[in-house]
Amino acid sequence: MNGVPFPVGPCVMTLVLVGALWDMQTRRIPNWLVATGLIVAIPVQWFTHGGVDGMTMWLGGLLAGGAIFLPGYAMRLLGAGDVKLMAAIGAFCGAYGALEIGLATCVIGGIGSLAIWLRRRQMRAGLSGVAALVISCATPGNGALRRSGSVAEGSATGTMPYGVAIAIGSACVLFASV
């Protein structure tokens, strides 16, 4: 993003910090937080870009932000709260900003997962789970492995609060574009 207009940065950082703290404590991102972000993003976009352009940015960012993490939700790698939080971030930042933040978040999340695997000494279990997921996705008509949850839930590596990765990815992109 080429520079972040004034109200967008503080609003997004507040949204992701509350989301990350909530996710660390409860492993959930609440719907009230996402709904508040979506509602607040409308006047912010209106103020920043005007009526029609603001609503176009809001809707485009909402759809792009949600679409970025939707495949991860479909494969049961992410929770619905993570997808909705990314959609709310997109409502503030627009489609291009959502794409940048989503990509940065994926890198941060991957590094975080590797760090957790190393710390718990579960690198082999984690990598075998990733390999099983790739094979499952690459094999046509073999959705049974994904639907059964054996890749996402049966893994010995556990879960990570992805709201933290979303917050760090958002901060990296927003601060890098100032």
C-alpha atoms as a PDB file:
ATOM      1  CA  MET A   1       0.000   0.000   0.000  1.00  0.00           C
ATOM      2  CA  ASN A   2       1.373   3.406  -0.897  1.00  0.00           C
ATOM      3  CA  GLY A   3       0.938   5.278   2.337  1.00  0.00           C
ATOM      4  CA  VAL A   4      -1.873   4.613   4.747  1.00  0.00           C
ATOM      5  CA  PRO A   5      -4.498   7.367   5.127  1.00  0.00           C
ATOM      6  CA  PHE A   6      -4.827   8.596   8.709  1.00  0.00           C
ATOM      7  CA  PRO A   7      -7.850   6.864  10.154  1.00  0.00           C
ATOM      8  CA  VAL A   8      -7.111   3.500   8.514  1.00  0.00           C
ATOM      9  CA  GLY A   9      -3.863   2.651  10.327  1.00  0.00           C
ATOM     10  CA  PRO A  10      -5.040   3.217  13.916  1.00  0.00           C
ATOM     11  CA  CYS A  11      -8.364   1.477  13.229  1.00  0.00           C
ATOM     12  CA  VAL A  12      -6.734  -1.606  11.714  1.00  0.00           C
ATOM     13  CA  MET A  13      -4.105  -1.825  14.440  1.00  0.00           C
ATOM     14  CA  THR A  14      -6.762  -1.568  17.153  1.00  0.00           C
ATOM     15  CA  LEU A  15      -8.832  -4.254  15.428  1.00  0.00           C
ATOM     16  CA  VAL A  16      -5.950  -6.711  15.026  1.00  0.00           C
ATOM     17  CA  LEU A  17      -4.480  -6.124  18.488  1.00  0.00           C
ATOM     18  CA  VAL A  18      -7.820  -6.826  20.182  1.00  0.00           C
ATOM     19  CA  GLY A  19      -8.278  -9.831  17.875  1.00  0.00           C
ATOM     20  CA  ALA A  20      -4.806 -11.186  18.658  1.00  0.00           C
ATOM     21  CA  LEU A  21      -5.202 -10.800  22.417  1.00  0.00           C
ATOM     22  CA  TRP A  22      -8.646 -12.408  22.330  1.00  0.00           C
ATOM     23  CA  ASP A  23      -7.371 -15.245  20.134  1.00  0.00           C
ATOM     24  CA  MET A  24      -4.421 -15.935  22.446  1.00  0.00           C
ATOM     25  CA  GLN A  25      -6.703 -16.251  25.467  1.00  0.00           C
ATOM     26  CA  THR A  26      -9.723 -18.035  24.005  1.00  0.00           C
ATOM     27  CA  ARG A  27      -8.545 -19.443  20.631  1.00  0.00           C
ATOM     28  CA  ARG A  28     -11.484 -17.618  19.053  1.00  0.00           C
ATOM     29  CA  ILE A  29     -12.021 -14.285  17.322  1.00  0.00           C
ATOM     30  CA  PRO A  30     -15.425 -12.958  18.386  1.00  0.00           C
ATOM     31  CA  ASN A  31     -18.095 -11.991  15.883  1.00  0.00           C
ATOM     32  CA  TRP A  32     -18.799  -8.729  17.713  1.00  0.00           C
ATOM     33  CA  LEU A  33     -15.229  -7.609  17.020  1.00  0.00           C
ATOM     34  CA  VAL A  34     -15.478  -8.399  13.314  1.00  0.00           C
ATOM     35  CA  ALA A  35     -18.914  -6.768  13.041  1.00  0.00           C
ATOM     36  CA  THR A  36     -17.641  -3.650  14.801  1.00  0.00           C
ATOM     37  CA  GLY A  37     -14.694  -3.495  12.393  1.00  0.00           C
ATOM     38  CA  LEU A  38     -16.958  -3.839   9.361  1.00  0.00           C
ATOM     39  CA  ILE A  39     -19.329  -1.127  10.609  1.00  0.00           C
ATOM     40  CA  VAL A  40     -16.533   1.299  11.533  1.00  0.00           C
ATOM     41  CA  ALA A  41     -14.833   0.720   8.162  1.00  0.00           C
ATOM     42  CA  ILE A  42     -17.803   2.209   6.278  1.00  0.00           C
ATOM     43  CA  PRO A  43     -17.483   5.805   7.563  1.00  0.00           C
ATOM     44  CA  VAL A  44     -13.676   5.533   7.488  1.00  0.00           C
ATOM     45  CA  GLN A  45     -13.762   4.614   3.792  1.00  0.00           C
ATOM     46  CA  TRP A  46     -16.428   7.246   3.138  1.00  0.00           C
ATOM     47  CA  PHE A  47     -14.304   9.919   4.833  1.00  0.00           C
ATOM     48  CA  THR A  48     -11.084   8.805   3.152  1.00  0.00           C
ATOM     49  CA  HIS A  49     -12.260   8.143  -0.413  1.00  0.00           C
ATOM     50  CA  GLY A  50     -15.707   9.680  -0.760  1.00  0.00           C
ATOM     51  CA  GLY A  51     -19.088   8.007  -1.121  1.00  0.00           C
ATOM     52  CA  VAL A  52     -18.933   5.770  -4.176  1.00  0.00           C
ATOM     53  CA  ASP A  53     -15.187   5.128  -4.160  1.00  0.00           C
ATOM     54  CA  GLY A  54     -15.252   4.461  -0.413  1.00  0.00           C
ATOM     55  CA  MET A  55     -18.014   1.896  -0.714  1.00  0.00           C
ATOM     56  CA  THR A  56     -16.199   0.269  -3.646  1.00  0.00           C
ATOM     57  CA  MET A  57     -13.015   0.035  -1.567  1.00  0.00           C
ATOM     58  CA  TRP A  58     -14.994  -1.316   1.394  1.00  0.00           C
ATOM     59  CA  LEU A  59     -16.778  -4.008  -0.594  1.00  0.00           C
ATOM     60  CA  GLY A  60     -13.741  -4.970  -2.697  1.00  0.00           C
ATOM     61  CA  GLY A  61     -11.553  -5.227   0.382  1.00  0.00           C
ATOM     62  CA  LEU A  62     -14.174  -7.209   2.263  1.00  0.00           C
ATOM     63  CA  LEU A  63     -14.471  -9.756  -0.537  1.00  0.00           C
ATOM     64  CA  ALA A  64     -10.732  -9.956  -1.250  1.00  0.00           C
ATOM     65  CA  GLY A  65      -9.829 -10.209   2.444  1.00  0.00           C
ATOM     66  CA  GLY A  66     -12.271 -13.031   3.011  1.00  0.00           C
ATOM     67  CA  ALA A  67     -11.285 -14.827  -0.183  1.00  0.00           C
ATOM     68  CA  ILE A  68      -7.596 -14.888   0.743  1.00  0.00           C
ATOM     69  CA  PHE A  69      -8.111 -17.168   3.750  1.00  0.00           C
ATOM     70  CA  LEU A  70     -11.183 -19.040   2.516  1.00  0.00           C
ATOM     71  CA  PRO A  71      -9.155 -21.974   1.076  1.00  0.00           C
ATOM     72  CA  GLY A  72      -7.410 -22.370   4.444  1.00  0.00           C
ATOM     73  CA  TYR A  73     -10.784 -22.515   6.150  1.00  0.00           C
ATOM     74  CA  ALA A  74     -12.073 -25.037   3.616  1.00  0.00           C
ATOM     75  CA  MET A  75      -9.073 -27.286   4.370  1.00  0.00           C
ATOM     76  CA  ARG A  76      -9.646 -26.796   8.112  1.00  0.00           C
ATOM     77  CA  LEU A  77      -6.313 -25.092   8.609  1.00  0.00           C
ATOM     78  CA  LEU A  78      -7.844 -21.802   9.784  1.00  0.00           C
ATOM     79  CA  GLY A  79     -10.900 -20.940  11.786  1.00  0.00           C
ATOM     80  CA  ALA A  80     -13.848 -18.935  10.509  1.00  0.00           C
ATOM     81  CA  GLY A  81     -12.886 -16.080  12.833  1.00  0.00           C
ATOM     82  CA  ASP A  82      -9.545 -15.726  11.057  1.00  0.00           C
ATOM     83  CA  VAL A  83     -11.310 -15.464   7.695  1.00  0.00           C
ATOM     84  CA  LYS A  84     -13.800 -12.911   9.021  1.00  0.00           C
ATOM     85  CA  LEU A  85     -11.057 -10.848  10.685  1.00  0.00           C
ATOM     86  CA  MET A  86      -9.155 -10.731   7.400  1.00  0.00           C
ATOM     87  CA  ALA A  87     -12.363  -9.612   5.636  1.00  0.00           C
ATOM     88  CA  ALA A  88     -12.751  -6.774   8.164  1.00  0.00           C
ATOM     89  CA  ILE A  89      -9.128  -5.737   7.603  1.00  0.00           C
ATOM     90  CA  GLY A  90      -9.810  -5.741   3.874  1.00  0.00           C
ATOM     91  CA  ALA A  91     -12.827  -3.487   4.435  1.00  0.00           C
ATOM     92  CA  PHE A  92     -10.428  -0.908   5.883  1.00  0.00           C
ATOM     93  CA  CYS A  93      -7.482  -1.405   3.509  1.00  0.00           C
ATOM     94  CA  GLY A  94      -9.151  -2.258   0.190  1.00  0.00           C
ATOM     95  CA  ALA A  95      -8.491  -5.274  -2.018  1.00  0.00           C
ATOM     96  CA  TYR A  96      -4.819  -4.559  -2.696  1.00  0.00           C
ATOM     97  CA  GLY A  97      -4.094  -3.864   0.977  1.00  0.00           C
ATOM     98  CA  ALA A  98      -5.898  -7.070   1.969  1.00  0.00           C
ATOM     99  CA  LEU A  99      -3.768  -9.020  -0.496  1.00  0.00           C
ATOM    100  CA  GLU A 100      -0.537  -7.540   0.870  1.00  0.00           C
ATOM    101  CA  ILE A 101      -1.549  -8.145   4.479  1.00  0.00           C
ATOM    102  CA  GLY A 102      -2.768 -11.658   3.662  1.00  0.00           C
ATOM    103  CA  LEU A 103       0.524 -12.599   2.025  1.00  0.00           C
ATOM    104  CA  ALA A 104       2.561 -11.123   4.872  1.00  0.00           C
ATOM    105  CA  THR A 105       0.359 -12.977   7.346  1.00  0.00           C
ATOM    106  CA  CYS A 106       0.918 -16.282   5.549  1.00  0.00           C
ATOM    107  CA  VAL A 107       4.700 -15.792   5.764  1.00  0.00           C
ATOM    108  CA  ILE A 108       4.498 -14.839   9.458  1.00  0.00           C
ATOM    109  CA  GLY A 109       2.168 -17.768  10.165  1.00  0.00           C
ATOM    110  CA  GLY A 110       4.497 -20.200   8.399  1.00  0.00           C
ATOM    111  CA  ILE A 111       7.488 -18.955  10.374  1.00  0.00           C
ATOM    112  CA  GLY A 112       5.437 -19.158  13.580  1.00  0.00           C
ATOM    113  CA  SER A 113       4.395 -22.733  12.817  1.00  0.00           C
ATOM    114  CA  LEU A 114       7.980 -23.758  12.169  1.00  0.00           C
ATOM    115  CA  ALA A 115       9.051 -22.126  15.436  1.00  0.00           C
ATOM    116  CA  ILE A 116       6.324 -23.986  17.345  1.00  0.00           C
ATOM    117  CA  TRP A 117       7.319 -27.284  15.725  1.00  0.00           C
ATOM    118  CA  LEU A 118      10.975 -26.726  16.612  1.00  0.00           C
ATOM    119  CA  ARG A 119      10.156 -25.681  20.170  1.00  0.00           C
ATOM    120  CA  ARG A 120       7.955 -28.722  20.746  1.00  0.00           C
ATOM    121  CA  ARG A 121      10.350 -30.969  18.867  1.00  0.00           C
ATOM    122  CA  GLN A 122       7.606 -31.992  16.473  1.00  0.00           C
ATOM    123  CA  MET A 123       9.157 -31.020  13.165  1.00  0.00           C
ATOM    124  CA  ARG A 124       8.739 -34.508  11.698  1.00  0.00           C
ATOM    125  CA  ALA A 125       5.048 -34.711  12.680  1.00  0.00           C
ATOM    126  CA  GLY A 126       4.409 -31.229  11.324  1.00  0.00           C
ATOM    127  CA  LEU A 127       6.134 -31.849   8.018  1.00  0.00           C
ATOM    128  CA  SER A 128       4.384 -35.189   7.572  1.00  0.00           C
ATOM    129  CA  GLY A 129       1.054 -33.432   8.184  1.00  0.00           C
ATOM    130  CA  VAL A 130       1.920 -30.842   5.553  1.00  0.00           C
ATOM    131  CA  ALA A 131       2.942 -33.572   3.116  1.00  0.00           C
ATOM    132  CA  ALA A 132      -0.333 -35.429   3.720  1.00  0.00           C
ATOM    133  CA  LEU A 133      -2.256 -32.202   3.104  1.00  0.00           C
ATOM    134  CA  VAL A 134      -0.401 -31.489  -0.153  1.00  0.00           C
ATOM    135  CA  ILE A 135      -0.978 -35.054  -1.372  1.00  0.00           C
ATOM    136  CA  SER A 136      -4.633 -34.846  -0.383  1.00  0.00           C
ATOM    137  CA  CYS A 137      -5.109 -31.571  -2.246  1.00  0.00           C
ATOM    138  CA  ALA A 138      -3.171 -32.725  -5.312  1.00  0.00           C
ATOM    139  CA  THR A 139      -5.077 -35.998  -5.698  1.00  0.00           C
ATOM    140  CA  PRO A 140      -8.266 -35.439  -7.723  1.00  0.00           C
ATOM    141  CA  GLY A 141     -11.415 -36.621  -5.982  1.00  0.00           C
ATOM    142  CA  ASN A 142      -9.608 -37.492  -2.768  1.00  0.00           C
ATOM    143  CA  GLY A 143     -11.434 -35.173  -0.379  1.00  0.00           C
ATOM    144  CA  ALA A 144     -11.977 -37.890   2.242  1.00  0.00           C
ATOM    145  CA  LEU A 145      -8.726 -37.089   4.032  1.00  0.00           C
ATOM    146  CA  ARG A 146      -9.607 -33.418   4.351  1.00  0.00           C
ATOM    147  CA  ARG A 147     -13.229 -33.996   5.332  1.00  0.00           C
ATOM    148  CA  SER A 148     -12.309 -36.443   8.048  1.00  0.00           C
ATOM    149  CA  GLY A 149     -10.142 -33.804   9.679  1.00  0.00           C
ATOM    150  CA  SER A 150      -7.215 -36.187   9.994  1.00  0.00           C
ATOM    151  CA  VAL A 151      -4.765 -33.627   8.655  1.00  0.00           C
ATOM    152  CA  ALA A 152      -5.849 -30.599  10.650  1.00  0.00           C
ATOM    153  CA  GLU A 153      -7.191 -32.168  13.835  1.00  0.00           C
ATOM    154  CA  GLY A 154      -5.214 -35.384  14.100  1.00  0.00           C
ATOM    155  CA  SER A 155      -1.889 -33.654  13.936  1.00  0.00           C
ATOM    156  CA  ALA A 156       0.263 -33.943  17.017  1.00  0.00           C
ATOM    157  CA  THR A 157       1.493 -30.395  16.539  1.00  0.00           C
ATOM    158  CA  GLY A 158      -1.624 -28.662  17.906  1.00  0.00           C
ATOM    159  CA  THR A 159      -2.911 -25.272  16.892  1.00  0.00           C
ATOM    160  CA  MET A 160      -1.627 -21.751  16.875  1.00  0.00           C
ATOM    161  CA  PRO A 161      -3.651 -18.581  17.493  1.00  0.00           C
ATOM    162  CA  TYR A 162      -3.555 -17.224  13.941  1.00  0.00           C
ATOM    163  CA  GLY A 163      -4.918 -13.857  15.090  1.00  0.00           C
ATOM    164  CA  VAL A 164      -1.393 -13.130  16.312  1.00  0.00           C
ATOM    165  CA  ALA A 165       0.045 -13.791  12.842  1.00  0.00           C
ATOM    166  CA  ILE A 166      -2.653 -11.563  11.340  1.00  0.00           C
ATOM    167  CA  ALA A 167      -1.732  -8.762  13.750  1.00  0.00           C
ATOM    168  CA  ILE A 168       1.997  -9.042  13.032  1.00  0.00           C
ATOM    169  CA  GLY A 169       1.410  -9.249   9.255  1.00  0.00           C
ATOM    170  CA  SER A 170      -0.867  -6.197   9.391  1.00  0.00           C
ATOM    171  CA  ALA A 171       1.654  -4.224  11.413  1.00  0.00           C
ATOM    172  CA  CYS A 172       4.483  -5.126   9.050  1.00  0.00           C
ATOM    173  CA  VAL A 173       2.554  -4.010   5.972  1.00  0.00           C
ATOM    174  CA  LEU A 174       1.089  -0.864   7.532  1.00  0.00           C
ATOM    175  CA  PHE A 175       4.363   0.317   9.035  1.00  0.00           C
ATOM    176  CA  ALA A 176       6.346  -0.528   5.900  1.00  0.00           C
ATOM    177  CA  SER A 177       4.040   1.637   3.784  1.00  0.00           C
ATOM    178  CA  VAL A 178       4.261   4.773   5.945  1.00  0.00           C
END
